Amino acid sequence: MITISLCMIVKNEEAVLERCLKSVCGAVDEIIIVDTGSVDKTKEIAAKFTPHIYDFTWIDDFSQARNYAFSLATKDYQMWLDADDVLPEEEKAKLIELKRDLPPQTDVVTMKYHVAFDCYGQPAMTSTRERLLRRAGNFRWQGPIHECITMRGNVFDADIAIWHLKPPGSGDRDRNLRIYEGLLAQGMDFSPRSTYYYARELMDHQRYSEAADYFTKFLEQQGGWQEDCISACLNLGLCYKALGNRHQRTLALLRSFAYDLPRPEICCQIAYDYLDAGDWRRAIYWLETALQAPPAAHGGFVLPDCHHFIPHIELCVCYYHLGDIERALYHNQQAEKIKPQSQSVKQNQQFFQTLLK
């Protein structure tokens, strides 16, 4: 059986840290907490679970803090979590089983990462992240913000999901943008990954014109990961929509096809424009393409609703407007199988019941 050191960096996490550590306690063999300057009860809470609590002077660099935490590990594998992450009970059981059954000589274990949820508590955005790293492999975090580890060696994809449950309104919303702009002021040349994530921060702050410029710059750097390039095209399209530039939005979305087959997330965005215009037939084409399109490759962000629920619920609308009630009912039934509690599904059911009477 392998052993695991959980390595975390924290700051002012008294609201969520206990929830996180309780969820993983019993599945890991060592908990290492690196505090980067808490002034609340974070350390007191951590002390309930581990004696291994260390201080690290914050220098606006997540990788350096995480690498320090990793350097303190003593077990076979290093695992990372953020304080607002949770390992649900059923996923915890899978992790305990994985410790017994992990193939020998595995260097990296990936797990699903659910980072956003819909109003029904179902994952609305998910990705795959490196989660366990063989300590002997001396893996290192890279990048001051949105840090990552370059995977190498034998990679095992575990069917385990970590839930990122950030409390509404918590944290410093401007922190990452402030760090990026500080680095720019120092004259730092951004890597393609940093350019991409800086553009995302600008978009999140509704600075759409600047975000569009940096997404375009990222795509022109030609050194980015394929999935980031596709995501950049999607986000560029969203920026142009906010700016009211329909032509540039279309070009940005279509540009994603240069990197891979059309993705469901892109197809739905194209379909929305035709839905807004009442062009039902072309909307149908892109919605049905979304149902057939491949998901993101390993590690890319996925919006699950774009793969099934959204195409079906919108196809219901399209076929109704074309007078094909039978197909409209079929797609509403398919949407119901995915989200039986959906208000849109229920409203459609009531509408068609009244219509058919």
Protein backbone atom coordinates (compact mmCIF):
# COMPACT_ATOMS: atom_id res chain seq x y z
CA MET A 1 0.00 0.00 0.00
CA ILE A 2 1.31 3.45 -0.88
CA THR A 3 1.50 6.32 1.60
CA ILE A 4 0.46 9.92 0.94
CA SER A 5 1.61 13.28 2.25
CA LEU A 6 -1.07 15.95 1.86
CA CYS A 7 0.77 19.24 1.22
CA MET A 8 -1.28 22.44 1.50
CA ILE A 9 -0.58 26.16 1.41
CA VAL A 10 -3.09 28.31 3.30
CA LYS A 11 -3.83 31.85 4.39
CA ASN A 12 -6.83 33.02 6.44
CA GLU A 13 -8.85 29.86 5.73
CA GLU A 14 -10.67 29.49 9.06
CA ALA A 15 -14.04 29.30 7.27
CA VAL A 16 -13.21 26.23 5.18
CA LEU A 17 -10.02 24.50 6.37
CA GLU A 18 -11.66 22.18 8.90
CA ARG A 19 -14.19 21.01 6.31
CA CYS A 20 -11.35 20.19 3.93
CA LEU A 21 -9.17 18.35 6.43
CA LYS A 22 -12.09 16.37 7.85
CA SER A 23 -12.99 15.20 4.37
CA VAL A 24 -9.52 13.79 3.68
CA CYS A 25 -8.51 12.69 7.16
CA GLY A 26 -8.02 8.93 7.25
CA ALA A 27 -7.21 8.74 3.54
CA VAL A 28 -3.78 10.41 3.80
CA ASP A 29 -0.87 9.44 6.04
CA GLU A 30 0.64 12.85 6.69
CA ILE A 31 -0.73 16.39 6.60
CA ILE A 32 1.64 19.30 5.99
CA ILE A 33 0.27 22.83 6.32
CA VAL A 34 2.32 25.77 5.07
CA ASP A 35 0.85 29.08 6.24
CA THR A 36 1.66 32.18 4.20
CA GLY A 37 0.56 34.81 6.69
CA SER A 38 -2.78 34.02 8.36
CA VAL A 39 -4.15 36.43 10.95
CA ASP A 40 -7.24 34.37 11.80
CA LYS A 41 -7.62 30.92 13.41
CA THR A 42 -6.25 28.95 10.46
CA LYS A 43 -3.27 27.56 12.39
CA GLU A 44 -5.41 26.62 15.40
CA ILE A 45 -7.74 24.65 13.14
CA ALA A 46 -4.84 22.98 11.35
CA ALA A 47 -3.35 21.94 14.71
CA LYS A 48 -6.41 19.75 15.33
CA PHE A 49 -5.30 17.54 12.46
CA THR A 50 -1.49 17.74 12.29
CA PRO A 51 1.60 18.90 14.16
CA HIS A 52 3.27 19.71 10.84
CA ILE A 53 2.56 23.42 10.49
CA TYR A 54 5.14 25.73 8.93
CA ASP A 55 5.43 29.41 8.00
CA PHE A 56 6.40 30.72 4.59
CA THR A 57 6.84 34.38 3.76
CA TRP A 58 4.48 35.20 0.92
CA ILE A 59 6.29 36.57 -2.16
CA ASP A 60 3.44 36.60 -4.73
CA ASP A 61 4.47 33.21 -6.08
CA PHE A 62 2.27 30.16 -5.56
CA SER A 63 4.81 27.77 -7.05
CA GLN A 64 7.50 28.64 -4.54
CA ALA A 65 5.07 28.15 -1.66
CA ARG A 66 3.85 24.81 -3.02
CA ASN A 67 7.37 23.60 -3.73
CA TYR A 68 8.29 24.40 -0.13
CA ALA A 69 5.31 22.37 1.09
CA PHE A 70 6.32 19.48 -1.17
CA SER A 71 9.89 19.62 0.18
CA LEU A 72 8.58 18.78 3.67
CA ALA A 73 6.80 15.59 2.61
CA THR A 74 8.11 12.23 3.80
CA LYS A 75 5.66 9.72 2.29
CA ASP A 76 5.61 7.92 -1.07
CA TYR A 77 3.36 10.43 -2.84
CA GLN A 78 2.68 14.13 -2.48
CA MET A 79 -0.94 15.26 -2.77
CA TRP A 80 -2.18 18.84 -3.01
CA LEU A 81 -5.52 20.41 -2.12
CA ASP A 82 -6.73 23.96 -1.68
CA ALA A 83 -8.42 24.82 1.59
CA ASP A 84 -11.80 25.17 -0.12
CA ASP A 85 -11.55 21.72 -1.70
CA VAL A 86 -13.52 18.75 -0.42
CA LEU A 87 -13.14 15.01 -0.91
CA PRO A 88 -16.71 13.60 -0.68
CA GLU A 89 -17.18 10.36 1.23
CA GLU A 90 -17.65 8.20 -1.87
CA GLU A 91 -14.53 9.72 -3.43
CA LYS A 92 -12.61 9.23 -0.19
CA ALA A 93 -13.45 5.52 -0.31
CA LYS A 94 -12.07 5.40 -3.86
CA LEU A 95 -8.84 7.05 -2.73
CA ILE A 96 -8.37 4.53 0.07
CA GLU A 97 -8.94 1.73 -2.45
CA LEU A 98 -6.47 3.37 -4.85
CA LYS A 99 -3.79 3.33 -2.15
CA ARG A 100 -4.08 -0.45 -2.09
CA ASP A 101 -4.34 -1.02 -5.85
CA LEU A 102 -2.22 1.67 -7.51
CA PRO A 103 -0.05 0.07 -10.20
CA PRO A 104 3.61 -0.09 -9.21
CA GLN A 105 5.92 2.58 -10.61
CA THR A 106 3.11 5.10 -11.14
CA ASP A 107 4.63 8.58 -11.23
CA VAL A 108 1.52 10.76 -11.47
CA VAL A 109 -2.11 10.20 -10.55
CA THR A 110 -4.70 12.50 -12.10
CA MET A 111 -8.15 13.10 -10.66
CA LYS A 112 -11.20 15.01 -11.80
CA TYR A 113 -11.59 18.52 -10.41
CA HIS A 114 -15.14 19.89 -10.22
CA VAL A 115 -14.64 23.65 -9.97
CA ALA A 116 -18.18 25.00 -10.46
CA PHE A 117 -21.69 23.71 -9.83
CA ASP A 118 -25.18 24.45 -11.09
CA CYS A 119 -28.20 25.29 -8.94
CA TYR A 120 -28.93 21.55 -8.59
CA GLY A 121 -25.50 20.78 -7.16
CA GLN A 122 -24.26 19.05 -10.30
CA PRO A 123 -20.81 19.87 -11.76
CA ALA A 124 -21.05 22.76 -14.23
CA MET A 125 -17.32 22.96 -14.98
CA THR A 126 -14.75 20.24 -14.55
CA SER A 127 -11.17 19.49 -15.51
CA THR A 128 -8.52 16.89 -14.81
CA ARG A 129 -5.52 17.77 -12.65
CA GLU A 130 -2.32 16.13 -11.50
CA ARG A 131 -3.15 15.24 -7.88
CA LEU A 132 -0.64 12.67 -6.59
CA LEU A 133 3.06 12.93 -7.48
CA ARG A 134 5.68 10.33 -6.66
CA ARG A 135 8.02 12.04 -4.18
CA ALA A 136 11.07 10.32 -5.64
CA GLY A 137 10.25 11.93 -8.98
CA ASN A 138 11.12 15.38 -7.60
CA PHE A 139 8.23 17.10 -9.39
CA ARG A 140 8.27 20.91 -9.25
CA TRP A 141 5.51 23.47 -9.49
CA GLN A 142 5.93 26.13 -12.17
CA GLY A 143 4.39 29.58 -12.64
CA PRO A 144 3.71 32.30 -10.05
CA ILE A 145 -0.08 32.07 -10.53
CA HIS A 146 -2.28 29.24 -11.86
CA GLU A 147 0.72 27.07 -11.15
CA CYS A 148 1.00 23.59 -12.57
CA ILE A 149 3.29 20.57 -12.73
CA THR A 150 4.54 19.16 -16.02
CA MET A 151 3.52 15.51 -15.98
CA ARG A 152 5.99 12.86 -17.03
CA GLY A 153 6.60 9.18 -16.55
CA ASN A 154 3.78 6.73 -15.90
CA VAL A 155 0.46 8.56 -15.52
CA PHE A 156 -2.57 6.87 -13.97
CA ASP A 157 -6.03 8.43 -14.45
CA ALA A 158 -8.05 7.74 -11.31
CA ASP A 159 -11.83 7.84 -11.26
CA ILE A 160 -11.83 10.15 -8.26
CA ALA A 161 -13.25 13.68 -8.10
CA ILE A 162 -12.22 16.57 -5.87
CA TRP A 163 -14.92 19.22 -5.33
CA HIS A 164 -13.86 22.88 -5.23
CA LEU A 165 -16.45 24.55 -2.97
CA LYS A 166 -15.44 28.18 -2.68
CA PRO A 167 -17.85 30.11 -0.43
CA PRO A 168 -19.58 32.98 -2.29
CA GLY A 169 -17.77 36.28 -1.84
CA SER A 170 -14.75 34.74 -0.13
CA GLY A 171 -11.13 35.41 -0.96
CA ASP A 172 -9.41 38.35 -2.60
CA ARG A 173 -10.99 38.60 -6.04
CA ASP A 174 -8.35 41.04 -7.27
CA ARG A 175 -5.27 39.17 -5.98
CA ASN A 176 -4.31 37.31 -9.15
CA LEU A 177 -4.85 40.32 -11.38
CA ARG A 178 -2.80 42.46 -9.02
CA ILE A 179 0.07 39.96 -9.09
CA TYR A 180 0.02 39.70 -12.89
CA GLU A 181 0.04 43.46 -13.31
CA GLY A 182 2.86 43.76 -10.79
CA LEU A 183 4.90 41.30 -12.85
CA LEU A 184 4.17 43.27 -16.01
CA ALA A 185 5.28 46.46 -14.28
CA GLN A 186 8.57 44.72 -13.47
CA GLY A 187 9.06 44.02 -17.17
CA MET A 188 8.54 40.26 -16.96
CA ASP A 189 7.97 38.46 -20.27
CA PHE A 190 4.94 36.24 -19.83
CA SER A 191 5.04 32.62 -20.88
CA PRO A 192 2.13 31.54 -23.12
CA ARG A 193 0.39 30.03 -20.07
CA SER A 194 0.72 33.26 -18.08
CA THR A 195 -0.54 35.28 -21.06
CA TYR A 196 -3.59 33.01 -21.28
CA TYR A 197 -4.42 33.22 -17.58
CA TYR A 198 -3.82 36.97 -17.45
CA ALA A 199 -6.37 37.30 -20.26
CA ARG A 200 -8.82 35.23 -18.21
CA GLU A 201 -8.33 37.48 -15.20
CA LEU A 202 -9.00 40.54 -17.37
CA MET A 203 -12.17 38.91 -18.71
CA ASP A 204 -13.35 38.03 -15.20
CA HIS A 205 -12.94 41.71 -14.32
CA GLN A 206 -15.03 42.70 -17.38
CA ARG A 207 -12.07 44.37 -19.07
CA TYR A 208 -13.15 42.74 -22.30
CA SER A 209 -11.17 44.78 -24.81
CA GLU A 210 -7.88 44.19 -22.97
CA ALA A 211 -8.78 40.53 -22.46
CA ALA A 212 -9.42 40.12 -26.18
CA ASP A 213 -6.01 41.62 -26.92
CA TYR A 214 -4.25 39.19 -24.59
CA PHE A 215 -6.19 36.12 -25.78
CA THR A 216 -5.17 37.09 -29.30
CA LYS A 217 -1.57 37.58 -28.19
CA PHE A 218 -1.60 34.16 -26.56
CA LEU A 219 -2.86 32.50 -29.74
CA GLU A 220 -0.21 34.29 -31.78
CA GLN A 221 2.56 33.11 -29.44
CA GLN A 222 1.95 29.58 -30.80
CA GLY A 223 3.47 27.93 -27.77
CA GLY A 224 0.30 27.24 -25.82
CA TRP A 225 -1.23 23.89 -24.92
CA GLN A 226 -3.93 22.78 -27.38
CA GLU A 227 -6.71 22.86 -24.80
CA ASP A 228 -5.75 26.37 -23.70
CA CYS A 229 -5.82 27.48 -27.35
CA ILE A 230 -9.34 26.13 -27.81
CA SER A 231 -10.42 27.70 -24.53
CA ALA A 232 -8.84 31.01 -25.60
CA CYS A 233 -10.94 30.97 -28.79
CA LEU A 234 -14.06 30.33 -26.72
CA ASN A 235 -13.25 33.13 -24.27
CA LEU A 236 -12.29 35.46 -27.10
CA GLY A 237 -15.72 34.85 -28.56
CA LEU A 238 -17.31 35.70 -25.22
CA CYS A 239 -15.30 38.93 -25.02
CA TYR A 240 -16.41 39.98 -28.49
CA LYS A 241 -20.00 39.19 -27.59
CA ALA A 242 -19.74 41.48 -24.57
CA LEU A 243 -18.22 44.13 -26.86
CA GLY A 244 -21.05 43.70 -29.37
CA ASN A 245 -18.76 42.58 -32.21
CA ARG A 246 -20.64 39.67 -33.80
CA HIS A 247 -18.26 39.27 -36.76
CA GLN A 248 -15.11 38.99 -34.63
CA ARG A 249 -16.97 36.66 -32.24
CA THR A 250 -17.77 34.26 -35.08
CA LEU A 251 -14.20 34.33 -36.36
CA ALA A 252 -12.85 33.63 -32.86
CA LEU A 253 -15.14 30.63 -32.35
CA LEU A 254 -14.37 29.19 -35.79
CA ARG A 255 -10.65 29.65 -35.16
CA SER A 256 -10.86 26.88 -32.55
CA PHE A 257 -11.38 24.36 -35.38
CA ALA A 258 -7.74 24.85 -36.38
CA TYR A 259 -6.69 23.05 -33.18
CA ASP A 260 -9.06 20.07 -33.10
CA LEU A 261 -12.53 18.84 -34.00
CA PRO A 262 -15.36 21.18 -32.92
CA ARG A 263 -15.94 21.01 -29.17
CA PRO A 264 -19.44 20.99 -27.62
CA GLU A 265 -18.71 24.23 -25.76
CA ILE A 266 -17.86 26.00 -29.04
CA CYS A 267 -20.81 24.49 -30.91
CA CYS A 268 -23.24 25.73 -28.27
CA GLN A 269 -21.84 29.26 -28.50
CA ILE A 270 -22.32 29.28 -32.28
CA ALA A 271 -25.82 27.86 -31.84
CA TYR A 272 -26.74 30.64 -29.38
CA ASP A 273 -26.16 33.25 -32.07
CA TYR A 274 -28.53 31.46 -34.45
CA LEU A 275 -31.07 30.98 -31.68
CA ASP A 276 -30.98 34.71 -30.97
CA ALA A 277 -31.60 35.36 -34.67
CA GLY A 278 -34.44 32.82 -34.86
CA ASP A 279 -32.50 30.81 -37.44
CA TRP A 280 -33.75 27.48 -36.15
CA ARG A 281 -32.32 25.22 -38.84
CA ARG A 282 -28.74 26.42 -38.48
CA ALA A 283 -29.11 26.37 -34.69
CA ILE A 284 -30.19 22.74 -34.97
CA TYR A 285 -27.08 21.91 -37.01
CA TRP A 286 -24.73 23.21 -34.33
CA LEU A 287 -26.71 21.78 -31.42
CA GLU A 288 -26.72 18.33 -32.98
CA THR A 289 -23.00 18.72 -33.71
CA ALA A 290 -22.50 19.48 -30.01
CA LEU A 291 -24.13 16.16 -29.14
CA GLN A 292 -21.66 14.34 -31.40
CA ALA A 293 -18.54 16.42 -30.70
CA PRO A 294 -15.64 14.97 -28.67
CA PRO A 295 -14.87 16.24 -25.16
CA ALA A 296 -11.72 18.09 -24.22
CA ALA A 297 -8.50 16.13 -24.15
CA HIS A 298 -6.84 15.14 -20.90
CA GLY A 299 -6.87 18.10 -18.51
CA GLY A 300 -8.95 20.57 -20.48
CA PHE A 301 -11.89 22.39 -18.95
CA VAL A 302 -15.26 20.81 -19.70
CA LEU A 303 -18.75 22.35 -19.37
CA PRO A 304 -20.80 19.14 -19.03
CA ASP A 305 -24.14 20.78 -19.85
CA CYS A 306 -22.85 21.67 -23.33
CA HIS A 307 -22.34 17.98 -24.04
CA HIS A 308 -25.92 16.91 -23.47
CA PHE A 309 -28.44 18.98 -21.50
CA ILE A 310 -28.15 22.34 -23.32
CA PRO A 311 -28.30 20.84 -26.84
CA HIS A 312 -31.37 18.79 -25.96
CA ILE A 313 -33.27 21.60 -24.23
CA GLU A 314 -32.50 24.04 -27.08
CA LEU A 315 -33.33 21.47 -29.76
CA CYS A 316 -36.72 21.15 -28.12
CA VAL A 317 -37.23 24.89 -28.69
CA CYS A 318 -35.97 24.74 -32.29
CA TYR A 319 -38.16 21.86 -33.36
CA TYR A 320 -41.20 23.43 -31.73
CA HIS A 321 -40.70 26.58 -33.81
CA LEU A 322 -40.39 24.43 -36.93
CA GLY A 323 -43.67 22.70 -36.07
CA ASP A 324 -42.10 19.29 -35.39
CA ILE A 325 -43.74 18.60 -32.02
CA GLU A 326 -42.68 14.95 -31.96
CA ARG A 327 -38.98 15.81 -32.12
CA ALA A 328 -39.44 18.67 -29.70
CA LEU A 329 -40.98 16.26 -27.16
CA TYR A 330 -38.19 13.75 -27.75
CA HIS A 331 -35.46 16.25 -26.92
CA ASN A 332 -37.28 17.49 -23.84
CA GLN A 333 -37.50 13.88 -22.67
CA GLN A 334 -33.77 13.44 -23.23
CA ALA A 335 -33.11 16.60 -21.22
CA GLU A 336 -35.33 15.26 -18.44
CA LYS A 337 -33.20 12.10 -18.18
CA ILE A 338 -30.19 14.31 -17.49
CA LYS A 339 -31.81 16.86 -15.15
CA PRO A 340 -35.26 15.68 -14.05
CA GLN A 341 -35.47 18.55 -11.57
CA SER A 342 -34.89 21.24 -14.22
CA GLN A 343 -37.50 23.99 -14.26
CA SER A 344 -37.04 24.37 -18.03
CA VAL A 345 -37.91 20.71 -18.53
CA LYS A 346 -40.97 20.96 -16.30
CA GLN A 347 -42.20 24.13 -17.99
CA ASN A 348 -41.81 22.48 -21.40
CA GLN A 349 -43.77 19.46 -20.18
CA GLN A 350 -46.63 21.64 -18.98
CA PHE A 351 -46.57 23.65 -22.20
CA PHE A 352 -46.77 20.57 -24.44
CA GLN A 353 -49.48 18.99 -22.30
CA THR A 354 -51.60 22.11 -22.75
CA LEU A 355 -50.73 22.33 -26.44
CA LEU A 356 -51.65 18.71 -27.16
CA LYS A 357 -54.96 19.03 -25.38
